[in-house]
């Protein structure tokens, strides 16, 4: 499904090679195509094998959800908090919950990553990323 969405949006953006180089959807189109083809091949291989073994165990599903749910929340939080605050919380969450790191190390790494991202995108590349109320209060909009 994800691959089909990527392909659809890539076609909407333009997935051809233009006079000045690839259009915006050129590379995502082929990534989406690879996803669809490999998923279909895996699906039909599983059908032919006729295996009744479970696709995933409960423990494996919990591990996947322990990453998927916070990532979905992070993605939604970017709209309200901005990418920098949401990323700080996201990194801190994973370091604390999955990595079991202490607060000083979490603060140091989370702060460091956010500063590097800000410098890289906002200062050097001049690419504005989504900002939230904290950045507005600091005058960084």
C-alpha atoms as a PDB file:
ATOM      1  CA  UNK A   1       0.000   0.000   0.000  1.00  0.00           C
ATOM      2  CA  UNK A   2       2.784   2.436   0.920  1.00  0.00           C
ATOM      3  CA  UNK A   3       4.564   1.739  -2.360  1.00  0.00           C
ATOM      4  CA  UNK A   4       1.387   2.455  -4.325  1.00  0.00           C
ATOM      5  CA  UNK A   5       0.933   5.763  -2.488  1.00  0.00           C
ATOM      6  CA  UNK A   6       4.542   6.704  -3.234  1.00  0.00           C
ATOM      7  CA  UNK A   7       4.089   5.830  -6.910  1.00  0.00           C
ATOM      8  CA  UNK A   8       0.834   7.809  -7.145  1.00  0.00           C
ATOM      9  CA  UNK A   9       2.311  10.918  -5.559  1.00  0.00           C
ATOM     10  CA  UNK A  10       5.510  10.609  -7.614  1.00  0.00           C
ATOM     11  CA  UNK A  11       3.476  10.632 -10.812  1.00  0.00           C
ATOM     12  CA  UNK A  12       1.590  13.681  -9.511  1.00  0.00           C
ATOM     13  CA  UNK A  13       4.911  15.476  -8.843  1.00  0.00           C
ATOM     14  CA  UNK A  14       6.468  14.363 -12.100  1.00  0.00           C
ATOM     15  CA  UNK A  15       8.501  11.190 -12.403  1.00  0.00           C
ATOM     16  CA  UNK A  16      10.271  11.791 -15.679  1.00  0.00           C
ATOM     17  CA  UNK A  17      13.723  12.998 -16.592  1.00  0.00           C
ATOM     18  CA  UNK A  18      13.429  16.657 -17.600  1.00  0.00           C
ATOM     19  CA  UNK A  19      15.868  18.813 -19.556  1.00  0.00           C
ATOM     20  CA  UNK A  20      17.403  20.063 -16.313  1.00  0.00           C
ATOM     21  CA  UNK A  21      17.552  16.658 -14.598  1.00  0.00           C
ATOM     22  CA  UNK A  22      15.176  14.411 -12.689  1.00  0.00           C
ATOM     23  CA  UNK A  23      11.788  15.751 -11.665  1.00  0.00           C
ATOM     24  CA  UNK A  24      10.795  15.702  -7.986  1.00  0.00           C
ATOM     25  CA  UNK A  25       9.105  12.303  -8.174  1.00  0.00           C
ATOM     26  CA  UNK A  26      11.721  10.501 -10.278  1.00  0.00           C
ATOM     27  CA  UNK A  27      13.628   8.660  -7.549  1.00  0.00           C
ATOM     28  CA  UNK A  28      10.651   8.118  -5.190  1.00  0.00           C
ATOM     29  CA  UNK A  29       8.754   6.565  -8.116  1.00  0.00           C
ATOM     30  CA  UNK A  30      11.362   3.857  -8.557  1.00  0.00           C
ATOM     31  CA  UNK A  31      11.649   3.256  -4.819  1.00  0.00           C
ATOM     32  CA  UNK A  32       7.855   2.835  -4.689  1.00  0.00           C
ATOM     33  CA  UNK A  33       7.976   0.511  -7.698  1.00  0.00           C
ATOM     34  CA  UNK A  34      10.616  -1.651  -6.003  1.00  0.00           C
ATOM     35  CA  UNK A  35       8.450  -1.776  -2.858  1.00  0.00           C
ATOM     36  CA  UNK A  36       5.365  -2.873  -4.814  1.00  0.00           C
ATOM     37  CA  UNK A  37       7.182  -5.512  -6.878  1.00  0.00           C
ATOM     38  CA  UNK A  38       9.057  -7.007  -3.915  1.00  0.00           C
ATOM     39  CA  UNK A  39       5.901  -7.015  -1.761  1.00  0.00           C
ATOM     40  CA  UNK A  40       3.927  -8.760  -4.493  1.00  0.00           C
ATOM     41  CA  UNK A  41       6.686 -11.340  -4.971  1.00  0.00           C
ATOM     42  CA  UNK A  42       6.798 -12.027  -1.231  1.00  0.00           C
ATOM     43  CA  UNK A  43       2.998 -12.308  -1.061  1.00  0.00           C
ATOM     44  CA  UNK A  44       2.761 -14.799  -3.948  1.00  0.00           C
ATOM     45  CA  UNK A  45       5.699 -16.821  -2.623  1.00  0.00           C
ATOM     46  CA  UNK A  46       3.924 -17.131   0.722  1.00  0.00           C
ATOM     47  CA  UNK A  47       0.699 -18.165  -1.001  1.00  0.00           C
ATOM     48  CA  UNK A  48       2.472 -20.912  -2.954  1.00  0.00           C
ATOM     49  CA  UNK A  49       4.238 -22.209   0.134  1.00  0.00           C
ATOM     50  CA  UNK A  50       0.916 -22.583   1.934  1.00  0.00           C
ATOM     51  CA  UNK A  51       2.544 -22.111   5.311  1.00  0.00           C
ATOM     52  CA  UNK A  52       0.253 -21.966   8.338  1.00  0.00           C
ATOM     53  CA  UNK A  53       2.990 -20.593  10.595  1.00  0.00           C
ATOM     54  CA  UNK A  54       2.190 -17.207  12.096  1.00  0.00           C
ATOM     55  CA  UNK A  55       3.656 -14.233  10.268  1.00  0.00           C
ATOM     56  CA  UNK A  56       4.712 -12.589  13.511  1.00  0.00           C
ATOM     57  CA  UNK A  57       4.764 -13.651  17.149  1.00  0.00           C
ATOM     58  CA  UNK A  58       3.342 -11.511  19.939  1.00  0.00           C
ATOM     59  CA  UNK A  59       6.819 -10.591  21.156  1.00  0.00           C
ATOM     60  CA  UNK A  60       7.928  -9.541  17.680  1.00  0.00           C
ATOM     61  CA  UNK A  61       4.767  -7.484  17.212  1.00  0.00           C
ATOM     62  CA  UNK A  62       5.404  -5.697  20.516  1.00  0.00           C
ATOM     63  CA  UNK A  63       8.917  -4.785  19.349  1.00  0.00           C
ATOM     64  CA  UNK A  64       7.608  -3.418  16.063  1.00  0.00           C
ATOM     65  CA  UNK A  65       4.874  -1.443  17.811  1.00  0.00           C
ATOM     66  CA  UNK A  66       7.385  -0.066  20.334  1.00  0.00           C
ATOM     67  CA  UNK A  67       8.970   1.745  17.390  1.00  0.00           C
ATOM     68  CA  UNK A  68       5.921   2.292  15.157  1.00  0.00           C
ATOM     69  CA  UNK A  69       3.631   3.969  17.702  1.00  0.00           C
ATOM     70  CA  UNK A  70       6.165   6.568  18.945  1.00  0.00           C
ATOM     71  CA  UNK A  71       7.167   7.283  15.345  1.00  0.00           C
ATOM     72  CA  UNK A  72       3.541   7.908  14.350  1.00  0.00           C
ATOM     73  CA  UNK A  73       3.065  10.176  17.370  1.00  0.00           C
ATOM     74  CA  UNK A  74       6.297  12.010  16.488  1.00  0.00           C
ATOM     75  CA  UNK A  75       5.151  12.551  12.923  1.00  0.00           C
ATOM     76  CA  UNK A  76       1.805  13.966  14.087  1.00  0.00           C
ATOM     77  CA  UNK A  77       3.475  16.118  16.779  1.00  0.00           C
ATOM     78  CA  UNK A  78       5.649  17.922  14.217  1.00  0.00           C
ATOM     79  CA  UNK A  79       2.586  19.875  13.046  1.00  0.00           C
ATOM     80  CA  UNK A  80       1.890  21.223  16.559  1.00  0.00           C
ATOM     81  CA  UNK A  81       5.302  21.376  18.213  1.00  0.00           C
ATOM     82  CA  UNK A  82       7.590  21.937  15.243  1.00  0.00           C
ATOM     83  CA  UNK A  83      10.270  19.539  14.134  1.00  0.00           C
ATOM     84  CA  UNK A  84      12.887  20.573  16.682  1.00  0.00           C
ATOM     85  CA  UNK A  85      10.828  20.127  19.859  1.00  0.00           C
ATOM     86  CA  UNK A  86       9.167  16.971  18.509  1.00  0.00           C
ATOM     87  CA  UNK A  87      12.579  15.559  17.571  1.00  0.00           C
ATOM     88  CA  UNK A  88      14.017  16.355  20.993  1.00  0.00           C
ATOM     89  CA  UNK A  89      11.145  14.474  22.672  1.00  0.00           C
ATOM     90  CA  UNK A  90      11.383  11.610  20.162  1.00  0.00           C
ATOM     91  CA  UNK A  91      15.126  11.113  20.689  1.00  0.00           C
ATOM     92  CA  UNK A  92      14.776  11.438  24.460  1.00  0.00           C
ATOM     93  CA  UNK A  93      11.931   8.919  24.520  1.00  0.00           C
ATOM     94  CA  UNK A  94      13.882   6.272  22.620  1.00  0.00           C
ATOM     95  CA  UNK A  95      17.038   6.829  24.623  1.00  0.00           C
ATOM     96  CA  UNK A  96      15.164   6.509  27.916  1.00  0.00           C
ATOM     97  CA  UNK A  97      12.668   3.757  27.128  1.00  0.00           C
ATOM     98  CA  UNK A  98      14.620   1.521  24.768  1.00  0.00           C
ATOM     99  CA  UNK A  99      18.203   2.507  25.581  1.00  0.00           C
ATOM    100  CA  UNK A 100      17.799   2.964  29.355  1.00  0.00           C
ATOM    101  CA  UNK A 101      20.188   5.944  29.326  1.00  0.00           C
ATOM    102  CA  UNK A 102      20.362   8.486  32.124  1.00  0.00           C
ATOM    103  CA  UNK A 103      19.009  12.015  31.959  1.00  0.00           C
ATOM    104  CA  UNK A 104      22.382  13.795  31.500  1.00  0.00           C
ATOM    105  CA  UNK A 105      23.297  11.713  28.455  1.00  0.00           C
ATOM    106  CA  UNK A 106      19.771  12.018  27.033  1.00  0.00           C
ATOM    107  CA  UNK A 107      19.858  15.804  27.384  1.00  0.00           C
ATOM    108  CA  UNK A 108      23.310  16.035  25.838  1.00  0.00           C
ATOM    109  CA  UNK A 109      22.505  13.867  22.813  1.00  0.00           C
ATOM    110  CA  UNK A 110      19.015  15.283  22.225  1.00  0.00           C
ATOM    111  CA  UNK A 111      20.259  18.868  22.482  1.00  0.00           C
ATOM    112  CA  UNK A 112      23.262  18.113  20.289  1.00  0.00           C
ATOM    113  CA  UNK A 113      21.217  16.524  17.522  1.00  0.00           C
ATOM    114  CA  UNK A 114      18.755  19.420  17.497  1.00  0.00           C
ATOM    115  CA  UNK A 115      21.542  22.019  17.357  1.00  0.00           C
ATOM    116  CA  UNK A 116      23.282  20.164  14.518  1.00  0.00           C
ATOM    117  CA  UNK A 117      19.999  19.840  12.575  1.00  0.00           C
ATOM    118  CA  UNK A 118      19.221  23.527  13.094  1.00  0.00           C
ATOM    119  CA  UNK A 119      22.682  24.585  11.941  1.00  0.00           C
ATOM    120  CA  UNK A 120      22.658  22.198   8.988  1.00  0.00           C
ATOM    121  CA  UNK A 121      19.209  22.964   7.619  1.00  0.00           C
ATOM    122  CA  UNK A 122      18.343  26.475   8.768  1.00  0.00           C
ATOM    123  CA  UNK A 123      21.764  28.147   8.687  1.00  0.00           C
ATOM    124  CA  UNK A 124      23.881  26.331   6.098  1.00  0.00           C
ATOM    125  CA  UNK A 125      21.316  24.950   3.627  1.00  0.00           C
ATOM    126  CA  UNK A 126      18.756  27.738   4.199  1.00  0.00           C
ATOM    127  CA  UNK A 127      15.949  25.184   4.274  1.00  0.00           C
ATOM    128  CA  UNK A 128      13.261  26.160   6.767  1.00  0.00           C
ATOM    129  CA  UNK A 129      11.809  23.236   8.670  1.00  0.00           C
ATOM    130  CA  UNK A 130       8.409  23.255  10.422  1.00  0.00           C
ATOM    131  CA  UNK A 131       8.535  25.294  13.601  1.00  0.00           C
ATOM    132  CA  UNK A 132       6.244  25.387  16.608  1.00  0.00           C
ATOM    133  CA  UNK A 133       5.338  27.753  19.407  1.00  0.00           C
ATOM    134  CA  UNK A 134       8.716  27.459  21.177  1.00  0.00           C
ATOM    135  CA  UNK A 135      10.635  28.630  18.124  1.00  0.00           C
ATOM    136  CA  UNK A 136       8.139  31.461  17.659  1.00  0.00           C
ATOM    137  CA  UNK A 137       8.661  32.542  21.278  1.00  0.00           C
ATOM    138  CA  UNK A 138      12.450  32.494  20.726  1.00  0.00           C
ATOM    139  CA  UNK A 139      12.097  34.484  17.489  1.00  0.00           C
ATOM    140  CA  UNK A 140      13.425  31.668  15.311  1.00  0.00           C
ATOM    141  CA  UNK A 141      10.533  31.616  12.831  1.00  0.00           C
END
